[in-house]
Amino acid sequence: MAIKSVSIRIEEEMLEKLGFVSDYEGRSVNSHILVLIRENIRKFEEEHGKIEGDIKPDVNVKPTRKN
């Protein structure tokens, strides 16, 4: 499985708030965004049916740690 990188434009205040929530949940901002994306995909599939693909939204997919 290939891990892809995405950049987004986000208002500074929103990023700060996202960082606060991420810290509260014990996650990095990146990991928290992945949780939100998986949750969104799961909800979409519940309402509209499964999207083609092998990765299930409830699977915790993290890239390997770089040394």
PDB file of N, CA and C in Angstrom:
ATOM      1  N   MET A   1       0.842  -1.171   0.000  1.00  0.00           N
ATOM      2  CA  MET A   1       0.000   0.000   0.000  1.00  0.00           C
ATOM      3  C   MET A   1       0.889   1.236   0.000  1.00  0.00           C
ATOM      4  N   ALA A   2       0.647   2.127  -0.924  1.00  0.00           N
ATOM      5  CA  ALA A   2       1.402   3.373  -1.008  1.00  0.00           C
ATOM      6  C   ALA A   2       0.784   4.417  -0.074  1.00  0.00           C
ATOM      7  N   ILE A   3       1.619   5.156   0.594  1.00  0.00           N
ATOM      8  CA  ILE A   3       1.165   6.269   1.431  1.00  0.00           C
ATOM      9  C   ILE A   3       1.384   7.542   0.636  1.00  0.00           C
ATOM     10  N   LYS A   4       0.329   8.316   0.459  1.00  0.00           N
ATOM     11  CA  LYS A   4       0.394   9.564  -0.288  1.00  0.00           C
ATOM     12  C   LYS A   4       0.356  10.748   0.668  1.00  0.00           C
ATOM     13  N   SER A   5       0.867  11.850   0.215  1.00  0.00           N
ATOM     14  CA  SER A   5       0.888  13.080   0.997  1.00  0.00           C
ATOM     15  C   SER A   5      -0.064  14.094   0.364  1.00  0.00           C
ATOM     16  N   VAL A   6      -0.776  14.820   1.218  1.00  0.00           N
ATOM     17  CA  VAL A   6      -1.708  15.852   0.772  1.00  0.00           C
ATOM     18  C   VAL A   6      -1.428  17.108   1.582  1.00  0.00           C
ATOM     19  N   SER A   7      -1.433  18.244   0.930  1.00  0.00           N
ATOM     20  CA  SER A   7      -1.332  19.491   1.683  1.00  0.00           C
ATOM     21  C   SER A   7      -2.662  20.221   1.573  1.00  0.00           C
ATOM     22  N   ILE A   8      -3.010  20.935   2.623  1.00  0.00           N
ATOM     23  CA  ILE A   8      -4.254  21.705   2.620  1.00  0.00           C
ATOM     24  C   ILE A   8      -3.960  23.124   3.074  1.00  0.00           C
ATOM     25  N   ARG A   9      -4.824  24.026   2.658  1.00  0.00           N
ATOM     26  CA  ARG A   9      -4.764  25.395   3.148  1.00  0.00           C
ATOM     27  C   ARG A   9      -5.796  25.497   4.270  1.00  0.00           C
ATOM     28  N   ILE A  10      -5.372  26.018   5.408  1.00  0.00           N
ATOM     29  CA  ILE A  10      -6.251  26.082   6.568  1.00  0.00           C
ATOM     30  C   ILE A  10      -5.953  27.369   7.328  1.00  0.00           C
ATOM     31  N   GLU A  11      -6.997  27.991   7.819  1.00  0.00           N
ATOM     32  CA  GLU A  11      -6.825  29.219   8.595  1.00  0.00           C
ATOM     33  C   GLU A  11      -6.048  28.901   9.870  1.00  0.00           C
ATOM     34  N   GLU A  12      -5.202  29.832  10.276  1.00  0.00           N
ATOM     35  CA  GLU A  12      -4.339  29.623  11.432  1.00  0.00           C
ATOM     36  C   GLU A  12      -5.148  29.293  12.690  1.00  0.00           C
ATOM     37  N   GLU A  13      -6.226  30.012  12.919  1.00  0.00           N
ATOM     38  CA  GLU A  13      -7.028  29.766  14.117  1.00  0.00           C
ATOM     39  C   GLU A  13      -7.634  28.357  14.095  1.00  0.00           C
ATOM     40  N   MET A  14      -8.087  27.919  12.924  1.00  0.00           N
ATOM     41  CA  MET A  14      -8.657  26.587  12.816  1.00  0.00           C
ATOM     42  C   MET A  14      -7.586  25.528  13.086  1.00  0.00           C
ATOM     43  N   LEU A  15      -6.378  25.733  12.570  1.00  0.00           N
ATOM     44  CA  LEU A  15      -5.282  24.802  12.811  1.00  0.00           C
ATOM     45  C   LEU A  15      -4.925  24.752  14.295  1.00  0.00           C
ATOM     46  N   GLU A  16      -4.924  25.898  14.949  1.00  0.00           N
ATOM     47  CA  GLU A  16      -4.647  25.939  16.385  1.00  0.00           C
ATOM     48  C   GLU A  16      -5.702  25.161  17.160  1.00  0.00           C
ATOM     49  N   LYS A  17      -6.972  25.337  16.792  1.00  0.00           N
ATOM     50  CA  LYS A  17      -8.051  24.616  17.468  1.00  0.00           C
ATOM     51  C   LYS A  17      -7.960  23.116  17.190  1.00  0.00           C
ATOM     52  N   LEU A  18      -7.623  22.755  15.958  1.00  0.00           N
ATOM     53  CA  LEU A  18      -7.447  21.352  15.611  1.00  0.00           C
ATOM     54  C   LEU A  18      -6.296  20.757  16.423  1.00  0.00           C
ATOM     55  N   GLY A  19      -5.226  21.521  16.592  1.00  0.00           N
ATOM     56  CA  GLY A  19      -4.105  21.079  17.421  1.00  0.00           C
ATOM     57  C   GLY A  19      -4.520  20.871  18.867  1.00  0.00           C
ATOM     58  N   PHE A  20      -5.374  21.744  19.384  1.00  0.00           N
ATOM     59  CA  PHE A  20      -5.870  21.615  20.758  1.00  0.00           C
ATOM     60  C   PHE A  20      -6.660  20.318  20.914  1.00  0.00           C
ATOM     61  N   VAL A  21      -7.598  20.070  19.975  1.00  0.00           N
ATOM     62  CA  VAL A  21      -8.416  18.855  20.026  1.00  0.00           C
ATOM     63  C   VAL A  21      -7.531  17.616  19.872  1.00  0.00           C
ATOM     64  N   SER A  22      -6.581  17.678  18.943  1.00  0.00           N
ATOM     65  CA  SER A  22      -5.671  16.552  18.729  1.00  0.00           C
ATOM     66  C   SER A  22      -4.903  16.228  19.993  1.00  0.00           C
ATOM     67  N   ASP A  23      -4.338  17.256  20.642  1.00  0.00           N
ATOM     68  CA  ASP A  23      -3.605  17.052  21.897  1.00  0.00           C
ATOM     69  C   ASP A  23      -4.513  16.440  22.961  1.00  0.00           C
ATOM     70  N   TYR A  24      -5.723  16.930  23.062  1.00  0.00           N
ATOM     71  CA  TYR A  24      -6.683  16.428  24.036  1.00  0.00           C
ATOM     72  C   TYR A  24      -6.952  14.940  23.809  1.00  0.00           C
ATOM     73  N   GLU A  25      -7.034  14.541  22.545  1.00  0.00           N
ATOM     74  CA  GLU A  25      -7.301  13.148  22.183  1.00  0.00           C
ATOM     75  C   GLU A  25      -6.034  12.288  22.202  1.00  0.00           C
ATOM     76  N   GLY A  26      -4.874  12.913  22.445  1.00  0.00           N
ATOM     77  CA  GLY A  26      -3.619  12.177  22.515  1.00  0.00           C
ATOM     78  C   GLY A  26      -3.085  11.782  21.146  1.00  0.00           C
ATOM     79  N   ARG A  27      -3.374  12.597  20.133  1.00  0.00           N
ATOM     80  CA  ARG A  27      -2.938  12.308  18.772  1.00  0.00           C
ATOM     81  C   ARG A  27      -2.175  13.499  18.203  1.00  0.00           C
ATOM     82  N   SER A  28      -1.419  13.216  17.144  1.00  0.00           N
ATOM     83  CA  SER A  28      -0.850  14.304  16.353  1.00  0.00           C
ATOM     84  C   SER A  28      -1.971  14.870  15.499  1.00  0.00           C
ATOM     85  N   VAL A  29      -1.763  16.047  14.942  1.00  0.00           N
ATOM     86  CA  VAL A  29      -2.757  16.633  14.042  1.00  0.00           C
ATOM     87  C   VAL A  29      -2.977  15.705  12.849  1.00  0.00           C
ATOM     88  N   ASN A  30      -1.897  15.173  12.300  1.00  0.00           N
ATOM     89  CA  ASN A  30      -2.014  14.281  11.151  1.00  0.00           C
ATOM     90  C   ASN A  30      -2.861  13.051  11.487  1.00  0.00           C
ATOM     91  N   SER A  31      -2.572  12.401  12.615  1.00  0.00           N
ATOM     92  CA  SER A  31      -3.330  11.219  13.020  1.00  0.00           C
ATOM     93  C   SER A  31      -4.793  11.563  13.269  1.00  0.00           C
ATOM     94  N   HIS A  32      -5.040  12.725  13.851  1.00  0.00           N
ATOM     95  CA  HIS A  32      -6.420  13.136  14.122  1.00  0.00           C
ATOM     96  C   HIS A  32      -7.183  13.374  12.812  1.00  0.00           C
ATOM     97  N   ILE A  33      -6.530  13.976  11.847  1.00  0.00           N
ATOM     98  CA  ILE A  33      -7.163  14.184  10.544  1.00  0.00           C
ATOM     99  C   ILE A  33      -7.505  12.841   9.904  1.00  0.00           C
ATOM    100  N   LEU A  34      -6.616  11.851  10.014  1.00  0.00           N
ATOM    101  CA  LEU A  34      -6.909  10.517   9.487  1.00  0.00           C
ATOM    102  C   LEU A  34      -8.120   9.899  10.174  1.00  0.00           C
ATOM    103  N   VAL A  35      -8.245  10.090  11.486  1.00  0.00           N
ATOM    104  CA  VAL A  35      -9.415   9.597  12.215  1.00  0.00           C
ATOM    105  C   VAL A  35     -10.679  10.249  11.662  1.00  0.00           C
ATOM    106  N   LEU A  36     -10.649  11.553  11.450  1.00  0.00           N
ATOM    107  CA  LEU A  36     -11.810  12.270  10.929  1.00  0.00           C
ATOM    108  C   LEU A  36     -12.175  11.811   9.520  1.00  0.00           C
ATOM    109  N   ILE A  37     -11.165  11.580   8.689  1.00  0.00           N
ATOM    110  CA  ILE A  37     -11.406  11.109   7.326  1.00  0.00           C
ATOM    111  C   ILE A  37     -12.034   9.723   7.349  1.00  0.00           C
ATOM    112  N   ARG A  38     -11.488   8.810   8.160  1.00  0.00           N
ATOM    113  CA  ARG A  38     -12.056   7.456   8.252  1.00  0.00           C
ATOM    114  C   ARG A  38     -13.494   7.495   8.731  1.00  0.00           C
ATOM    115  N   GLU A  39     -13.774   8.345   9.719  1.00  0.00           N
ATOM    116  CA  GLU A  39     -15.140   8.475  10.235  1.00  0.00           C
ATOM    117  C   GLU A  39     -16.084   8.981   9.142  1.00  0.00           C
ATOM    118  N   ASN A  40     -15.621   9.958   8.361  1.00  0.00           N
ATOM    119  CA  ASN A  40     -16.440  10.505   7.279  1.00  0.00           C
ATOM    120  C   ASN A  40     -16.726   9.450   6.216  1.00  0.00           C
ATOM    121  N   ILE A  41     -15.716   8.670   5.849  1.00  0.00           N
ATOM    122  CA  ILE A  41     -15.899   7.608   4.847  1.00  0.00           C
ATOM    123  C   ILE A  41     -16.869   6.552   5.375  1.00  0.00           C
ATOM    124  N   ARG A  42     -16.712   6.154   6.637  1.00  0.00           N
ATOM    125  CA  ARG A  42     -17.600   5.151   7.235  1.00  0.00           C
ATOM    126  C   ARG A  42     -19.047   5.621   7.189  1.00  0.00           C
ATOM    127  N   LYS A  43     -19.291   6.871   7.577  1.00  0.00           N
ATOM    128  CA  LYS A  43     -20.653   7.420   7.558  1.00  0.00           C
ATOM    129  C   LYS A  43     -21.205   7.479   6.137  1.00  0.00           C
ATOM    130  N   PHE A  44     -20.376   7.891   5.194  1.00  0.00           N
ATOM    131  CA  PHE A  44     -20.803   7.952   3.795  1.00  0.00           C
ATOM    132  C   PHE A  44     -21.210   6.568   3.303  1.00  0.00           C
ATOM    133  N   GLU A  45     -20.368   5.558   3.592  1.00  0.00           N
ATOM    134  CA  GLU A  45     -20.658   4.203   3.135  1.00  0.00           C
ATOM    135  C   GLU A  45     -21.906   3.627   3.801  1.00  0.00           C
ATOM    136  N   GLU A  46     -22.156   3.984   5.054  1.00  0.00           N
ATOM    137  CA  GLU A  46     -23.377   3.529   5.721  1.00  0.00           C
ATOM    138  C   GLU A  46     -24.615   4.057   4.994  1.00  0.00           C
ATOM    139  N   GLU A  47     -24.527   5.286   4.523  1.00  0.00           N
ATOM    140  CA  GLU A  47     -25.679   5.923   3.872  1.00  0.00           C
ATOM    141  C   GLU A  47     -25.781   5.569   2.389  1.00  0.00           C
ATOM    142  N   HIS A  48     -24.658   5.462   1.694  1.00  0.00           N
ATOM    143  CA  HIS A  48     -24.671   5.343   0.239  1.00  0.00           C
ATOM    144  C   HIS A  48     -24.151   4.012  -0.300  1.00  0.00           C
ATOM    145  N   GLY A  49     -23.651   3.161   0.558  1.00  0.00           N
ATOM    146  CA  GLY A  49     -23.091   1.888   0.109  1.00  0.00           C
ATOM    147  C   GLY A  49     -21.580   1.945   0.031  1.00  0.00           C
ATOM    148  N   LYS A  50     -20.999   0.753  -0.007  1.00  0.00           N
ATOM    149  CA  LYS A  50     -19.544   0.615   0.012  1.00  0.00           C
ATOM    150  C   LYS A  50     -18.903   1.252  -1.216  1.00  0.00           C
ATOM    151  N   ILE A  51     -17.808   1.938  -0.982  1.00  0.00           N
ATOM    152  CA  ILE A  51     -16.985   2.497  -2.049  1.00  0.00           C
ATOM    153  C   ILE A  51     -15.982   1.416  -2.425  1.00  0.00           C
ATOM    154  N   GLU A  52     -15.754   1.240  -3.707  1.00  0.00           N
ATOM    155  CA  GLU A  52     -14.795   0.235  -4.178  1.00  0.00           C
ATOM    156  C   GLU A  52     -13.420   0.463  -3.562  1.00  0.00           C
ATOM    157  N   GLY A  53     -12.746  -0.607  -3.182  1.00  0.00           N
ATOM    158  CA  GLY A  53     -11.395  -0.513  -2.642  1.00  0.00           C
ATOM    159  C   GLY A  53     -11.193  -1.522  -1.533  1.00  0.00           C
ATOM    160  N   ASP A  54      -9.950  -1.819  -1.247  1.00  0.00           N
ATOM    161  CA  ASP A  54      -9.612  -2.836  -0.253  1.00  0.00           C
ATOM    162  C   ASP A  54      -9.520  -2.304   1.164  1.00  0.00           C
ATOM    163  N   ILE A  55      -9.149  -1.036   1.336  1.00  0.00           N
ATOM    164  CA  ILE A  55      -8.956  -0.487   2.677  1.00  0.00           C
ATOM    165  C   ILE A  55     -10.306  -0.120   3.270  1.00  0.00           C
ATOM    166  N   LYS A  56     -10.547  -0.632   4.456  1.00  0.00           N
ATOM    167  CA  LYS A  56     -11.793  -0.338   5.153  1.00  0.00           C
ATOM    168  C   LYS A  56     -11.582   0.892   6.042  1.00  0.00           C
ATOM    169  N   PRO A  57     -12.583   1.754   6.169  1.00  0.00           N
ATOM    170  CA  PRO A  57     -12.388   2.987   6.937  1.00  0.00           C
ATOM    171  C   PRO A  57     -12.163   2.770   8.423  1.00  0.00           C
ATOM    172  N   ASP A  58     -12.464   1.575   8.944  1.00  0.00           N
ATOM    173  CA  ASP A  58     -12.239   1.338  10.362  1.00  0.00           C
ATOM    174  C   ASP A  58     -10.834   0.802  10.663  1.00  0.00           C
ATOM    175  N   VAL A  59     -10.031   0.608   9.622  1.00  0.00           N
ATOM    176  CA  VAL A  59      -8.662   0.123   9.798  1.00  0.00           C
ATOM    177  C   VAL A  59      -7.753   1.311  10.065  1.00  0.00           C
ATOM    178  N   ASN A  60      -6.920   1.192  11.094  1.00  0.00           N
ATOM    179  CA  ASN A  60      -6.000   2.273  11.430  1.00  0.00           C
ATOM    180  C   ASN A  60      -4.755   2.145  10.567  1.00  0.00           C
ATOM    181  N   VAL A  61      -4.675   2.935   9.542  1.00  0.00           N
ATOM    182  CA  VAL A  61      -3.550   2.891   8.620  1.00  0.00           C
ATOM    183  C   VAL A  61      -2.595   4.028   8.959  1.00  0.00           C
ATOM    184  N   LYS A  62      -1.395   3.658   9.383  1.00  0.00           N
ATOM    185  CA  LYS A  62      -0.377   4.658   9.688  1.00  0.00           C
ATOM    186  C   LYS A  62       0.869   4.328   8.880  1.00  0.00           C
ATOM    187  N   PRO A  63       1.543   5.337   8.362  1.00  0.00           N
ATOM    188  CA  PRO A  63       2.803   5.067   7.673  1.00  0.00           C
ATOM    189  C   PRO A  63       3.855   4.562   8.653  1.00  0.00           C
ATOM    190  N   THR A  64       4.812   3.811   8.144  1.00  0.00           N
ATOM    191  CA  THR A  64       5.888   3.337   9.001  1.00  0.00           C
ATOM    192  C   THR A  64       6.707   4.509   9.504  1.00  0.00           C
ATOM    193  N   ARG A  65       7.283   4.340  10.664  1.00  0.00           N
ATOM    194  CA  ARG A  65       8.081   5.407  11.283  1.00  0.00           C
ATOM    195  C   ARG A  65       9.395   5.560  10.517  1.00  0.00           C
ATOM    196  N   LYS A  66       9.746   6.781  10.165  1.00  0.00           N
ATOM    197  CA  LYS A  66      11.007   7.057   9.477  1.00  0.00           C
ATOM    198  C   LYS A  66      12.129   7.133  10.495  1.00  0.00           C
ATOM    199  N   ASN A  67      13.254   6.530  10.168  1.00  0.00           N
ATOM    200  CA  ASN A  67      14.409   6.556  11.085  1.00  0.00           C
ATOM    201  C   ASN A  67      15.414   7.578  10.675  1.00  0.00           C
TER     202      ASN A  67
END
